C-alpha atoms as a PDB file:
ATOM      1  CA  UNK A   1       0.000   0.000   0.000  1.00  0.00           C
ATOM      2  CA  UNK A   2       1.340   3.444  -0.948  1.00  0.00           C
ATOM      3  CA  UNK A   3       0.606   6.494   1.182  1.00  0.00           C
ATOM      4  CA  UNK A   4      -0.138   9.733  -0.656  1.00  0.00           C
ATOM      5  CA  UNK A   5       2.163  12.613   0.419  1.00  0.00           C
ATOM      6  CA  UNK A   6      -0.793  14.880   1.214  1.00  0.00           C
ATOM      7  CA  UNK A   7      -4.504  14.341   1.846  1.00  0.00           C
ATOM      8  CA  UNK A   8      -6.752  14.446  -1.234  1.00  0.00           C
ATOM      9  CA  UNK A   9      -8.977  17.367  -2.228  1.00  0.00           C
ATOM     10  CA  UNK A  10      -7.007  19.890  -0.108  1.00  0.00           C
ATOM     11  CA  UNK A  11      -8.238  18.298   3.125  1.00  0.00           C
ATOM     12  CA  UNK A  12      -6.263  19.111   6.297  1.00  0.00           C
ATOM     13  CA  UNK A  13      -3.485  16.757   7.424  1.00  0.00           C
ATOM     14  CA  UNK A  14      -5.271  16.276  10.748  1.00  0.00           C
ATOM     15  CA  UNK A  15      -8.713  16.346  12.352  1.00  0.00           C
ATOM     16  CA  UNK A  16      -9.672  16.522  16.008  1.00  0.00           C
ATOM     17  CA  UNK A  17     -12.888  14.662  16.711  1.00  0.00           C
ATOM     18  CA  UNK A  18     -14.696  15.565  19.937  1.00  0.00           C
ATOM     19  CA  UNK A  19     -17.900  14.521  21.585  1.00  0.00           C
ATOM     20  CA  UNK A  20     -19.560  13.285  24.762  1.00  0.00           C
ATOM     21  CA  UNK A  21     -17.787  10.412  26.496  1.00  0.00           C
ATOM     22  CA  UNK A  22     -20.874   8.330  27.170  1.00  0.00           C
ATOM     23  CA  UNK A  23     -18.829   5.261  28.142  1.00  0.00           C
ATOM     24  CA  UNK A  24     -17.031   7.239  30.910  1.00  0.00           C
ATOM     25  CA  UNK A  25     -19.984   9.359  32.055  1.00  0.00           C
ATOM     26  CA  UNK A  26     -20.016   9.888  35.839  1.00  0.00           C
ATOM     27  CA  UNK A  27     -22.793  12.472  36.257  1.00  0.00           C
ATOM     28  CA  UNK A  28     -20.716  15.368  34.932  1.00  0.00           C
ATOM     29  CA  UNK A  29     -20.134  16.558  31.379  1.00  0.00           C
ATOM     30  CA  UNK A  30     -17.365  14.386  29.964  1.00  0.00           C
ATOM     31  CA  UNK A  31     -15.854  15.377  26.637  1.00  0.00           C
ATOM     32  CA  UNK A  32     -13.410  13.107  24.829  1.00  0.00           C
ATOM     33  CA  UNK A  33     -11.156  13.850  21.868  1.00  0.00           C
ATOM     34  CA  UNK A  34      -9.338  11.739  19.295  1.00  0.00           C
ATOM     35  CA  UNK A  35      -6.716  13.123  16.919  1.00  0.00           C
ATOM     36  CA  UNK A  36      -6.720  11.677  13.406  1.00  0.00           C
ATOM     37  CA  UNK A  37      -3.459  12.390  11.548  1.00  0.00           C
ATOM     38  CA  UNK A  38      -2.676  11.709   7.887  1.00  0.00           C
ATOM     39  CA  UNK A  39       0.150   9.122   7.624  1.00  0.00           C
ATOM     40  CA  UNK A  40       3.548  10.752   7.161  1.00  0.00           C
ATOM     41  CA  UNK A  41       2.506  14.085   8.718  1.00  0.00           C
ATOM     42  CA  UNK A  42       5.252  15.594  10.868  1.00  0.00           C
ATOM     43  CA  UNK A  43       4.030  17.135  14.134  1.00  0.00           C
ATOM     44  CA  UNK A  44       6.154  19.997  15.489  1.00  0.00           C
ATOM     45  CA  UNK A  45       6.859  19.859  19.254  1.00  0.00           C
END
């Protein structure tokens, strides 16, 4: 499998998905996040 150097259609190299953390809900508002990064993307420290 070959990885394209950049995402297609000028999409960003990353997305941050957020939403309610229903599986960890303890009576408060719980928000979870998951970063999705295009393969080969370099993240600066």
